[in-house]
Protein backbone atom coordinates (compact mmCIF):
# COMPACT_ATOMS: atom_id res chain seq x y z
CA UNK A 1 -10.78 43.73 9.53
CA UNK A 2 -13.50 46.37 9.24
CA UNK A 3 -15.75 46.45 12.35
CA UNK A 4 -18.82 46.94 10.14
CA UNK A 5 -18.03 43.70 8.31
CA UNK A 6 -17.54 41.83 11.59
CA UNK A 7 -20.94 43.12 12.76
CA UNK A 8 -22.51 42.00 9.48
CA UNK A 9 -20.97 38.55 9.84
CA UNK A 10 -22.23 38.30 13.41
CA UNK A 11 -25.77 39.20 12.33
CA UNK A 12 -25.61 36.70 9.46
CA UNK A 13 -24.46 33.92 11.83
CA UNK A 14 -27.23 34.86 14.26
CA UNK A 15 -29.70 34.68 11.38
CA UNK A 16 -28.30 31.29 10.27
CA UNK A 17 -28.71 29.72 13.74
CA UNK A 18 -32.29 30.95 14.09
CA UNK A 19 -33.52 30.14 10.58
CA UNK A 20 -31.94 26.67 10.67
CA UNK A 21 -33.78 25.97 13.93
CA UNK A 22 -37.06 27.24 12.44
CA UNK A 23 -36.47 25.05 9.39
CA UNK A 24 -36.08 22.03 11.67
CA UNK A 25 -39.36 22.82 13.44
CA UNK A 26 -41.32 23.11 10.20
CA UNK A 27 -39.76 19.93 8.79
CA UNK A 28 -40.66 17.93 11.89
CA UNK A 29 -44.26 19.15 11.74
CA UNK A 30 -44.47 18.57 7.98
CA UNK A 31 -43.09 15.02 8.25
CA UNK A 32 -45.41 14.18 11.14
CA UNK A 33 -48.46 15.61 9.38
CA UNK A 34 -47.54 14.03 6.01
CA UNK A 35 -47.46 17.35 4.17
CA UNK A 36 -46.71 17.18 0.45
CA UNK A 37 -43.75 19.55 0.97
CA UNK A 38 -41.33 18.68 3.77
CA UNK A 39 -37.97 20.15 2.76
CA UNK A 40 -38.10 23.15 5.06
CA UNK A 41 -34.50 22.64 6.22
CA UNK A 42 -33.39 22.98 2.59
CA UNK A 43 -35.62 26.03 2.18
CA UNK A 44 -34.09 27.65 5.26
CA UNK A 45 -30.59 27.14 3.80
CA UNK A 46 -31.65 28.61 0.45
CA UNK A 47 -33.00 31.71 2.21
CA UNK A 48 -29.79 32.06 4.23
CA UNK A 49 -27.52 31.54 1.20
CA UNK A 50 -29.52 34.10 -0.80
CA UNK A 51 -29.25 36.73 1.94
CA UNK A 52 -25.60 36.00 2.77
CA UNK A 53 -24.52 35.86 -0.89
CA UNK A 54 -26.11 39.27 -1.43
CA UNK A 55 -24.09 40.62 1.52
CA UNK A 56 -20.95 38.89 0.28
CA UNK A 57 -21.21 40.39 -3.19
CA UNK A 58 -22.43 43.89 -2.38
CA UNK A 59 -21.05 44.64 1.10
CA UNK A 60 -17.63 43.02 1.45
CA UNK A 61 -16.66 41.64 -1.94
CA UNK A 62 -13.45 43.70 -2.04
CA UNK A 63 -12.34 42.47 1.40
CA UNK A 64 -13.01 38.87 0.38
CA UNK A 65 -11.03 39.11 -2.87
CA UNK A 66 -8.09 40.67 -1.00
CA UNK A 67 -8.00 37.78 1.50
CA UNK A 68 -5.69 35.05 0.14
CA UNK A 69 -7.22 32.36 2.35
CA UNK A 70 -10.75 33.06 1.12
CA UNK A 71 -9.59 33.27 -2.50
CA UNK A 72 -7.90 29.88 -2.07
CA UNK A 73 -11.13 28.40 -0.69
CA UNK A 74 -13.06 29.74 -3.68
CA UNK A 75 -10.48 28.28 -6.08
CA UNK A 76 -10.64 24.90 -4.36
CA UNK A 77 -14.44 24.91 -4.53
CA UNK A 78 -14.17 25.53 -8.28
CA UNK A 79 -11.68 22.64 -8.52
CA UNK A 80 -14.12 20.38 -6.67
CA UNK A 81 -16.88 21.43 -9.08
CA UNK A 82 -14.69 20.42 -12.01
CA UNK A 83 -13.79 17.14 -10.29
CA UNK A 84 -17.49 16.50 -9.75
CA UNK A 85 -18.23 16.95 -13.47
CA UNK A 86 -15.24 14.85 -14.60
CA UNK A 87 -16.08 12.02 -12.21
CA UNK A 88 -19.70 11.82 -13.31
CA UNK A 89 -19.01 11.90 -17.04
CA UNK A 90 -16.17 9.40 -16.64
CA UNK A 91 -18.75 7.06 -15.06
CA UNK A 92 -20.97 7.47 -18.13
CA UNK A 93 -23.67 9.12 -16.04
CA UNK A 94 -26.33 11.13 -17.84
CA UNK A 95 -26.93 14.85 -17.43
CA UNK A 96 -29.95 14.04 -15.26
CA UNK A 97 -27.70 12.14 -12.81
CA UNK A 98 -25.28 15.07 -12.79
CA UNK A 99 -28.16 17.40 -12.03
CA UNK A 100 -29.81 15.22 -9.36
CA UNK A 101 -26.52 14.58 -7.55
CA UNK A 102 -25.96 18.34 -7.35
CA UNK A 103 -27.87 18.24 -4.05
CA UNK A 104 -24.98 16.34 -2.46
CA UNK A 105 -22.42 18.71 -4.00
CA UNK A 106 -24.31 21.62 -2.44
CA UNK A 107 -24.24 19.90 0.96
CA UNK A 108 -20.49 19.33 0.69
CA UNK A 109 -20.00 22.97 -0.28
CA UNK A 110 -21.85 24.39 2.72
CA UNK A 111 -18.84 24.07 5.04
CA UNK A 112 -16.35 25.92 2.78
CA UNK A 113 -19.03 28.53 1.99
CA UNK A 114 -19.43 29.21 5.72
CA UNK A 115 -15.65 29.48 6.00
CA UNK A 116 -15.62 32.22 3.37
CA UNK A 117 -18.40 34.05 5.17
CA UNK A 118 -17.31 33.71 8.78
CA UNK A 119 -13.61 32.88 9.13
CA UNK A 120 -12.93 36.47 10.34
CA UNK A 121 -15.21 35.93 13.34
CA UNK A 122 -12.75 33.54 14.97
CA UNK A 123 -10.76 36.55 16.17
CA UNK A 124 -13.76 38.08 17.94
CA UNK A 125 -14.13 36.21 21.22
CA UNK A 126 -17.18 38.19 22.39
CA UNK A 127 -19.11 37.53 19.16
CA UNK A 128 -18.28 33.82 19.31
CA UNK A 129 -19.45 33.48 22.91
CA UNK A 130 -22.70 35.32 22.15
CA UNK A 131 -23.42 33.05 19.19
CA UNK A 132 -22.69 29.94 21.25
CA UNK A 133 -25.04 31.24 23.97
CA UNK A 134 -27.77 31.67 21.35
CA UNK A 135 -27.20 28.16 20.07
CA UNK A 136 -27.17 26.90 23.66
CA UNK A 137 -30.62 28.38 24.34
CA UNK A 138 -32.10 26.68 21.26
CA UNK A 139 -30.25 23.46 22.10
CA UNK A 140 -31.82 23.30 25.55
CA UNK A 141 -35.24 24.06 24.08
CA UNK A 142 -34.78 20.96 21.96
CA UNK A 143 -33.56 19.01 24.97
CA UNK A 144 -36.81 20.01 26.70
CA UNK A 145 -38.72 18.67 23.67
CA UNK A 146 -36.81 15.38 23.99
CA UNK A 147 -37.74 15.09 27.68
CA UNK A 148 -41.38 15.91 26.93
CA UNK A 149 -41.33 13.39 24.11
CA UNK A 150 -40.02 10.65 26.39
CA UNK A 151 -42.21 11.38 29.42
CA UNK A 152 -45.44 11.76 27.45
CA UNK A 153 -44.51 9.46 24.54
CA UNK A 154 -44.99 12.22 21.95
CA UNK A 155 -44.68 10.69 18.49
CA UNK A 156 -43.54 13.86 16.73
CA UNK A 157 -40.36 13.97 18.84
CA UNK A 158 -39.37 10.33 18.27
CA UNK A 159 -36.19 9.51 16.37
CA UNK A 160 -37.38 6.29 14.72
CA UNK A 161 -40.78 6.02 13.07
CA UNK A 162 -40.83 2.22 13.01
CA UNK A 163 -41.07 1.95 16.80
CA UNK A 164 -38.56 -0.92 16.85
CA UNK A 165 -35.76 1.27 18.18
CA UNK A 166 -35.89 3.61 21.15
CA UNK A 167 -34.91 7.24 20.75
CA UNK A 168 -36.06 10.86 20.73
CA UNK A 169 -34.57 13.70 18.69
CA UNK A 170 -36.96 16.48 19.65
CA UNK A 171 -37.37 19.30 17.15
CA UNK A 172 -34.21 18.58 15.16
CA UNK A 173 -34.91 16.94 11.83
CA UNK A 174 -32.37 14.08 11.94
CA UNK A 175 -31.26 11.75 14.74
CA UNK A 176 -27.67 11.92 13.47
CA UNK A 177 -27.76 15.70 13.71
CA UNK A 178 -29.18 15.49 17.25
CA UNK A 179 -26.57 13.07 18.57
CA UNK A 180 -23.67 15.00 17.01
CA UNK A 181 -24.99 18.24 18.52
CA UNK A 182 -25.05 16.55 21.94
CA UNK A 183 -21.49 15.30 21.49
CA UNK A 184 -20.24 18.72 20.38
CA UNK A 185 -21.97 20.45 23.30
CA UNK A 186 -20.49 17.91 25.72
CA UNK A 187 -17.06 18.67 24.25
CA UNK A 188 -17.69 22.41 24.61
CA UNK A 189 -18.58 22.11 28.31
CA UNK A 190 -15.69 19.69 28.87
CA UNK A 191 -13.29 22.21 27.35
CA UNK A 192 -14.54 24.91 29.70
CA UNK A 193 -14.14 22.67 32.75
CA UNK A 194 -10.73 21.31 31.76
CA UNK A 195 -8.99 24.39 30.36
CA UNK A 196 -10.80 27.14 32.25
CA UNK A 197 -11.72 27.79 35.86
CA UNK A 198 -14.15 25.24 37.30
CA UNK A 199 -17.75 26.44 37.13
CA UNK A 200 -20.62 24.60 38.82
CA UNK A 201 -23.17 25.83 36.28
CA UNK A 202 -21.07 24.54 33.39
CA UNK A 203 -20.58 21.22 35.20
CA UNK A 204 -24.33 20.94 35.77
CA UNK A 205 -24.98 21.63 32.08
CA UNK A 206 -22.50 18.91 31.11
CA UNK A 207 -24.24 16.41 33.37
CA UNK A 208 -27.66 17.36 31.97
CA UNK A 209 -26.38 17.02 28.38
CA UNK A 210 -24.90 13.59 29.09
CA UNK A 211 -28.04 12.35 30.85
CA UNK A 212 -30.23 13.78 28.11
CA UNK A 213 -28.12 12.17 25.40
CA UNK A 214 -29.10 8.70 26.64
CA UNK A 215 -32.64 9.41 25.44
CA UNK A 216 -31.52 9.87 21.82
CA UNK A 217 -30.87 6.16 21.39
CA UNK A 218 -27.96 6.29 18.91
CA UNK A 219 -24.89 4.09 19.22
CA UNK A 220 -22.40 6.93 18.90
CA UNK A 221 -23.72 8.43 22.15
CA UNK A 222 -23.36 5.15 24.03
CA UNK A 223 -19.79 4.91 22.69
CA UNK A 224 -18.79 8.54 23.24
CA UNK A 225 -19.82 8.97 26.87
CA UNK A 226 -17.70 6.07 28.25
CA UNK A 227 -14.73 7.29 26.17
CA UNK A 228 -15.15 10.80 27.62
CA UNK A 229 -15.19 9.37 31.15
CA UNK A 230 -12.09 7.24 30.45
CA UNK A 231 -10.28 10.28 29.06
CA UNK A 232 -11.05 12.29 32.21
CA UNK A 233 -10.18 9.54 34.68
CA UNK A 234 -6.95 8.23 33.16
CA UNK A 235 -5.57 10.84 30.75
CA UNK A 236 -6.36 13.83 32.96
CA UNK A 237 -5.74 11.99 36.23
CA UNK A 238 -9.33 12.40 37.38
CA UNK A 239 -9.13 9.28 39.54
CA UNK A 240 -6.66 11.15 41.79
CA UNK A 241 -8.88 14.20 42.33
CA UNK A 242 -11.08 14.64 45.37
CA UNK A 243 -13.76 16.39 43.34
CA UNK A 244 -14.21 13.22 41.26
CA UNK A 245 -15.42 11.31 44.30
CA UNK A 246 -17.45 14.21 45.65
CA UNK A 247 -19.52 14.43 42.51
CA UNK A 248 -18.88 10.96 41.10
CA UNK A 249 -20.96 9.07 43.65
CA UNK A 250 -24.20 11.11 43.22
CA UNK A 251 -23.73 11.15 39.43
CA UNK A 252 -23.20 7.39 39.38
CA UNK A 253 -26.32 6.94 41.52
CA UNK A 254 -28.29 9.23 39.19
CA UNK A 255 -27.01 7.34 36.13
CA UNK A 256 -28.01 4.03 37.70
CA UNK A 257 -31.52 5.31 38.47
CA UNK A 258 -31.84 6.70 34.95
CA UNK A 259 -30.71 3.36 33.54
CA UNK A 260 -33.36 1.55 35.58
CA UNK A 261 -35.96 4.02 34.32
CA UNK A 262 -35.17 3.62 30.63
CA UNK A 263 -33.78 0.06 30.75
CA UNK A 264 -36.70 -1.48 28.86
CA UNK A 265 -36.62 1.25 26.22
CA UNK A 266 -32.87 0.96 25.63
CA UNK A 267 -33.26 -2.81 25.44
CA UNK A 268 -35.34 -2.33 22.27
CA UNK A 269 -32.37 -0.67 20.58
CA UNK A 270 -29.94 -3.37 21.66
CA UNK A 271 -32.39 -6.08 20.61
CA UNK A 272 -32.34 -4.64 17.10
CA UNK A 273 -28.54 -4.43 17.11
CA UNK A 274 -28.24 -7.97 18.47
CA UNK A 275 -30.59 -9.21 15.77
CA UNK A 276 -28.29 -7.67 13.16
CA UNK A 277 -25.26 -9.21 14.91
CA UNK A 278 -26.94 -12.61 14.98
CA UNK A 279 -27.73 -12.58 11.26
CA UNK A 280 -24.97 -10.45 9.72
CA UNK A 281 -22.14 -10.34 12.28
CA UNK A 282 -20.43 -7.83 14.56
CA UNK A 283 -19.29 -5.37 11.90
CA UNK A 284 -22.78 -5.03 10.40
CA UNK A 285 -24.21 -4.49 13.87
CA UNK A 286 -21.57 -1.91 14.81
CA UNK A 287 -22.03 0.05 11.57
CA UNK A 288 -25.81 -0.51 11.21
CA UNK A 289 -25.35 -2.22 7.82
CA UNK A 290 -22.99 0.48 6.52
CA UNK A 291 -20.23 -2.08 6.07
CA UNK A 292 -22.65 -4.16 3.97
CA UNK A 293 -23.38 -1.14 1.77
CA UNK A 294 -19.64 -0.60 1.31
CA UNK A 295 -19.18 -4.24 0.31
CA UNK A 296 -22.07 -3.99 -2.15
CA UNK A 297 -20.68 -0.83 -3.75
CA UNK A 298 -17.22 -2.34 -4.01
CA UNK A 299 -18.34 -5.64 -5.57
CA UNK A 300 -21.03 -4.27 -7.91
CA UNK A 301 -19.66 -0.87 -8.96
CA UNK A 302 -16.02 -0.26 -8.12
CA UNK A 303 -14.72 -3.65 -9.30
CA UNK A 304 -16.83 -3.75 -12.45
CA UNK A 305 -17.25 -0.14 -13.56
CA UNK A 306 -14.58 2.10 -12.06
CA UNK A 307 -11.49 3.11 -14.02
CA UNK A 308 -8.28 4.69 -12.76
CA UNK A 309 -9.82 8.14 -13.30
CA UNK A 310 -12.69 7.27 -10.97
CA UNK A 311 -10.24 6.63 -8.16
CA UNK A 312 -8.85 10.11 -8.78
CA UNK A 313 -12.15 11.96 -9.40
CA UNK A 314 -14.90 9.76 -7.96
CA UNK A 315 -18.21 9.50 -9.77
CA UNK A 316 -20.68 7.42 -7.76
CA UNK A 317 -24.41 8.02 -8.22
CA UNK A 318 -25.41 8.94 -4.67
CA UNK A 319 -29.11 8.69 -5.48
CA UNK A 320 -28.72 4.92 -5.68
CA UNK A 321 -25.66 3.94 -3.63
CA UNK A 322 -24.11 5.50 -0.56
CA UNK A 323 -22.28 3.89 2.35
CA UNK A 324 -23.33 6.59 4.87
CA UNK A 325 -19.76 6.50 6.19
CA UNK A 326 -18.37 10.03 6.08
CA UNK A 327 -14.82 9.58 4.80
CA UNK A 328 -15.74 6.71 2.49
CA UNK A 329 -18.57 8.65 0.84
CA UNK A 330 -16.34 11.69 0.50
CA UNK A 331 -13.82 9.56 -1.42
CA UNK A 332 -16.50 7.90 -3.56
CA UNK A 333 -18.01 11.27 -4.47
CA UNK A 334 -14.84 13.28 -5.20
CA UNK A 335 -12.12 10.62 -5.59
CA UNK A 336 -8.69 10.82 -4.00
CA UNK A 337 -7.87 14.30 -5.30
CA UNK A 338 -11.17 15.78 -4.14
CA UNK A 339 -10.88 13.95 -0.81
CA UNK A 340 -7.51 15.58 -0.08
CA UNK A 341 -8.78 19.00 -1.17
CA UNK A 342 -11.77 18.71 1.14
CA UNK A 343 -9.59 17.79 4.11
CA UNK A 344 -7.87 21.16 3.61
CA UNK A 345 -11.09 22.90 4.67
CA UNK A 346 -10.90 21.11 8.02
CA UNK A 347 -7.21 21.96 8.28
CA UNK A 348 -8.19 25.63 8.08
CA UNK A 349 -10.47 25.15 11.09
CA UNK A 350 -7.92 23.27 13.17
CA UNK A 351 -5.65 26.28 13.63
CA UNK A 352 -5.44 25.91 17.41
CA UNK A 353 -2.08 24.64 18.60
CA UNK A 354 -3.09 21.31 20.15
CA UNK A 355 -1.24 22.49 23.25
CA UNK A 356 -3.44 20.31 25.47
CA UNK A 357 -4.44 16.66 25.14
CA UNK A 358 -8.09 17.75 25.03
CA UNK A 359 -7.66 19.00 21.47
CA UNK A 360 -6.33 15.60 20.41
CA UNK A 361 -9.29 13.97 22.15
CA UNK A 362 -11.59 16.38 20.28
CA UNK A 363 -9.96 15.53 16.93
CA UNK A 364 -9.96 11.76 17.48
CA UNK A 365 -13.60 11.83 18.60
CA UNK A 366 -14.56 13.66 15.41
CA UNK A 367 -12.61 11.23 13.21
CA UNK A 368 -14.44 8.28 14.76
CA UNK A 369 -17.81 10.02 14.37
CA UNK A 370 -17.15 10.90 10.72
CA UNK A 371 -15.94 7.41 9.92
CA UNK A 372 -19.12 5.75 11.16
CA UNK A 373 -21.64 8.36 9.97
CA UNK A 374 -21.96 10.70 7.00
CA UNK A 375 -24.20 13.11 8.92
CA UNK A 376 -21.18 15.05 10.17
CA UNK A 377 -20.14 16.05 6.65
CA UNK A 378 -23.38 15.83 4.68
CA UNK A 379 -25.86 17.22 7.25
CA UNK A 380 -25.76 20.94 6.51
CA UNK A 381 -26.75 21.93 10.06
CA UNK A 382 -23.69 20.33 11.69
CA UNK A 383 -21.15 22.98 10.53
CA UNK A 384 -23.23 25.67 12.25
CA UNK A 385 -22.08 24.48 15.68
CA UNK A 386 -18.83 22.87 14.55
CA UNK A 387 -17.44 26.13 13.16
CA UNK A 388 -18.34 27.99 16.35
CA UNK A 389 -16.52 25.42 18.49
CA UNK A 390 -13.40 25.54 16.33
CA UNK A 391 -13.49 29.36 16.41
CA UNK A 392 -13.97 29.22 20.19
CA UNK A 393 -10.99 26.88 20.68
CA UNK A 394 -8.84 29.00 18.35
CA UNK A 395 -9.73 32.20 20.19
CA UNK A 396 -9.02 30.57 23.56
CA UNK A 397 -5.61 29.38 22.38
CA UNK A 398 -4.79 32.83 21.00
CA UNK A 399 -5.74 34.34 24.34
CA UNK A 400 -3.50 31.88 26.19
CA UNK A 401 -0.63 32.69 23.82
CA UNK A 402 -1.01 36.41 24.52
CA UNK A 403 -0.73 35.74 28.26
CA UNK A 404 2.65 34.05 27.87
């Protein structure tokens, strides 16, 4: 691959990380100040796509068209576009519905578009590490905003406007985005500690990320952290290691003190969840009513209106009905054929060899996250970090292979 193209891709990725962060800042301020225009995250993506598409067409079009993998991705995106049209017209939706649901199609297409742009970067370990460091700096700036928001009760950094639930998301525009970023960063630091030489700074960052994640107030964080600890203790034999007890006792003490500090605040979240459990049951509480939305869509739309073609090509009007469960919504939008095509994009990313149990833990964690939340697939900011992590794991595995 041409070094000039790799440099261009690096600069574009750098630009994407920065402009997405700026878009988040402006959206948070616009939402808090009740501006008439708030879609600054969308605007930031439009600017990036315009710049990157110009580079794609005029700077390395020939290299792209010679790459079979990228050509296949383009073909599959065209197939998904056709599936999108067939599904909507088969559901007797009007042209206005087709047009208004295009927003969701664009969000689904952001991941494969980034693959076309940046898949070559996965072979450049230095570029990947620099981009992760940049993201890390902005991530910790947001973590600082979360801490400031909690300590000084700053409304603009809160995750839930109603005040019934506890949580702070800082500068990031969505609480789902914030919690997934925290989980991905925890997985990144865990990978470094498990598969690389132990580093105290990395360990300290992991501890800070885990402690900071408790302030977000989302269920997936409270589920992920215990699972991560169980994985370390029992699947990696952490309970046998001396270092576990050296650091485990002060960390446990710090966690206990933090829990005492935010106990009343966390209780607000669990009071809301218990209220849902008391009235709707465990499944509704666990999924925050997503299971109820799925039941409603099944009984009112799928049973009454869907034909066999809908199961193949989808066709749900996402403006009105959406389960907010990643895999389910993906199926409802594209049908079975589109669902399987879309999974191929993730298969491209998972090119590392799964030579260590950590990679299976990483994959299973993501499947659980996607199942219970659509933010992982539909939130356009998530692939920015997700791609970097997959590239990082791939590059690490390639490096290990070369050592053998």
